[in-house]
N, C-alpha and C. Protein backbone atom coordinates (compact mmCIF):
# COMPACT_ATOMS: atom_id res chain seq x y z
N MET A 1 -65.49 -100.94 18.22
CA MET A 1 -66.77 -100.93 17.56
C MET A 1 -67.70 -99.97 18.31
N THR A 2 -68.41 -99.15 17.56
CA THR A 2 -69.34 -98.19 18.15
C THR A 2 -70.71 -98.84 18.31
N ALA A 3 -71.32 -98.66 19.47
CA ALA A 3 -72.66 -99.19 19.71
C ALA A 3 -73.67 -98.40 18.91
N LEU A 4 -74.67 -99.10 18.40
CA LEU A 4 -75.73 -98.43 17.65
C LEU A 4 -76.64 -97.69 18.63
N ALA A 5 -77.09 -96.53 18.21
CA ALA A 5 -78.00 -95.73 19.04
C ALA A 5 -78.99 -95.01 18.15
N GLU A 6 -80.16 -94.75 18.71
CA GLU A 6 -81.12 -93.92 18.00
C GLU A 6 -81.15 -92.55 18.65
N ARG A 7 -81.43 -91.57 17.85
CA ARG A 7 -81.47 -90.18 18.32
C ARG A 7 -82.84 -89.63 17.97
N ILE A 8 -83.58 -89.22 18.99
CA ILE A 8 -84.94 -88.69 18.81
C ILE A 8 -84.92 -87.21 19.19
N HIS A 9 -85.29 -86.36 18.22
CA HIS A 9 -85.36 -84.92 18.47
C HIS A 9 -86.80 -84.55 18.80
N THR A 10 -86.98 -83.80 19.88
CA THR A 10 -88.33 -83.40 20.28
C THR A 10 -88.36 -81.91 20.60
N GLN A 11 -89.53 -81.42 20.84
CA GLN A 11 -89.80 -80.04 21.21
C GLN A 11 -89.25 -79.05 20.18
N PRO A 12 -89.73 -79.13 18.91
CA PRO A 12 -89.28 -78.17 17.90
C PRO A 12 -89.60 -76.74 18.30
N ARG A 13 -88.64 -75.86 18.07
CA ARG A 13 -88.81 -74.46 18.45
C ARG A 13 -87.91 -73.61 17.56
N ASP A 14 -88.49 -72.68 16.84
CA ASP A 14 -87.75 -71.73 16.00
C ASP A 14 -86.78 -72.43 15.04
N GLY A 15 -87.24 -73.51 14.40
CA GLY A 15 -86.42 -74.21 13.42
C GLY A 15 -85.37 -75.13 14.01
N ASP A 16 -85.37 -75.33 15.29
CA ASP A 16 -84.40 -76.21 15.96
C ASP A 16 -85.18 -77.11 16.91
N HIS A 17 -84.49 -77.96 17.63
CA HIS A 17 -85.12 -78.84 18.61
C HIS A 17 -84.54 -78.54 19.98
N ALA A 18 -85.42 -78.37 20.95
CA ALA A 18 -84.99 -78.00 22.30
C ALA A 18 -84.55 -79.22 23.10
N SER A 19 -84.90 -80.41 22.64
CA SER A 19 -84.58 -81.61 23.40
C SER A 19 -84.15 -82.73 22.46
N GLU A 20 -83.27 -83.57 22.95
CA GLU A 20 -82.79 -84.70 22.18
C GLU A 20 -82.67 -85.89 23.14
N THR A 21 -83.22 -87.02 22.72
CA THR A 21 -83.13 -88.24 23.52
C THR A 21 -82.31 -89.24 22.74
N ILE A 22 -81.30 -89.81 23.37
CA ILE A 22 -80.44 -90.81 22.73
C ILE A 22 -80.54 -92.09 23.54
N GLY A 23 -80.77 -93.20 22.85
CA GLY A 23 -80.88 -94.47 23.53
C GLY A 23 -80.21 -95.58 22.74
N ALA A 24 -80.01 -96.68 23.41
CA ALA A 24 -79.41 -97.85 22.75
C ALA A 24 -80.36 -98.36 21.68
N PHE A 25 -79.80 -98.76 20.55
CA PHE A 25 -80.61 -99.27 19.46
C PHE A 25 -81.38 -100.50 19.94
N SER A 26 -82.61 -100.59 19.55
CA SER A 26 -83.55 -101.66 19.90
C SER A 26 -84.15 -101.51 21.29
N ALA A 27 -83.74 -100.49 22.04
CA ALA A 27 -84.33 -100.24 23.35
C ALA A 27 -85.56 -99.35 23.18
N ASP A 28 -86.52 -99.49 24.06
CA ASP A 28 -87.69 -98.61 24.03
C ASP A 28 -87.27 -97.19 24.41
N VAL A 29 -87.88 -96.20 23.77
CA VAL A 29 -87.60 -94.80 24.06
C VAL A 29 -88.83 -94.22 24.75
N ASP A 30 -88.64 -93.79 25.98
CA ASP A 30 -89.75 -93.25 26.78
C ASP A 30 -89.98 -91.79 26.42
N LEU A 31 -91.08 -91.54 25.72
CA LEU A 31 -91.47 -90.19 25.34
C LEU A 31 -92.76 -89.78 26.04
N THR A 32 -93.05 -90.43 27.16
CA THR A 32 -94.30 -90.16 27.86
C THR A 32 -94.36 -88.77 28.48
N GLU A 33 -93.21 -88.17 28.71
CA GLU A 33 -93.18 -86.82 29.29
C GLU A 33 -93.08 -85.73 28.21
N THR A 34 -93.22 -86.11 26.94
CA THR A 34 -93.19 -85.16 25.83
C THR A 34 -94.61 -84.95 25.32
N PRO A 35 -94.82 -84.01 24.42
CA PRO A 35 -96.17 -83.79 23.89
C PRO A 35 -96.80 -85.02 23.22
N VAL A 36 -96.00 -85.94 22.67
CA VAL A 36 -96.59 -87.13 22.03
C VAL A 36 -97.07 -88.14 23.05
N GLY A 37 -96.48 -88.17 24.24
CA GLY A 37 -96.95 -89.00 25.34
C GLY A 37 -96.99 -90.49 25.07
N LEU A 38 -95.93 -91.04 24.50
CA LEU A 38 -95.92 -92.47 24.22
C LEU A 38 -94.54 -93.07 24.44
N THR A 39 -94.49 -94.38 24.37
CA THR A 39 -93.21 -95.09 24.41
C THR A 39 -92.98 -95.64 23.01
N LEU A 40 -91.87 -95.29 22.41
CA LEU A 40 -91.52 -95.72 21.06
C LEU A 40 -90.69 -96.98 21.13
N THR A 41 -91.20 -98.07 20.55
CA THR A 41 -90.42 -99.30 20.50
C THR A 41 -89.59 -99.27 19.22
N THR A 42 -88.33 -99.61 19.33
CA THR A 42 -87.42 -99.48 18.19
C THR A 42 -86.84 -100.84 17.74
N GLY A 43 -87.29 -101.92 18.35
CA GLY A 43 -86.73 -103.22 18.04
C GLY A 43 -86.89 -103.63 16.59
N ASP A 44 -87.91 -103.09 15.91
CA ASP A 44 -88.14 -103.45 14.51
C ASP A 44 -87.54 -102.44 13.52
N PHE A 45 -86.85 -101.42 14.02
CA PHE A 45 -86.23 -100.46 13.11
C PHE A 45 -85.15 -101.17 12.27
N PRO A 46 -85.07 -100.86 10.99
CA PRO A 46 -84.01 -101.47 10.18
C PRO A 46 -82.64 -100.92 10.57
N HIS A 47 -81.64 -101.78 10.52
CA HIS A 47 -80.27 -101.36 10.82
C HIS A 47 -79.31 -102.27 10.11
N GLU A 48 -78.08 -101.84 10.00
CA GLU A 48 -77.04 -102.63 9.31
C GLU A 48 -76.29 -103.50 10.28
C-alpha cells in the first residue's frame, strides 16, 4: 500500500516551479521560508 502524500509546488518561474515540497498526508507543511510565509495544515483536506 502506498502512503498518501501531498505535493506543494512553489516558486513559479518561466511556466514551471523551481521548488516542490512533499509531505505525509495530514501533516503540516512548513512554507514559512517561501514567499507565502505560512504553515499549511492539511488535516482537513479531502482524501479517499
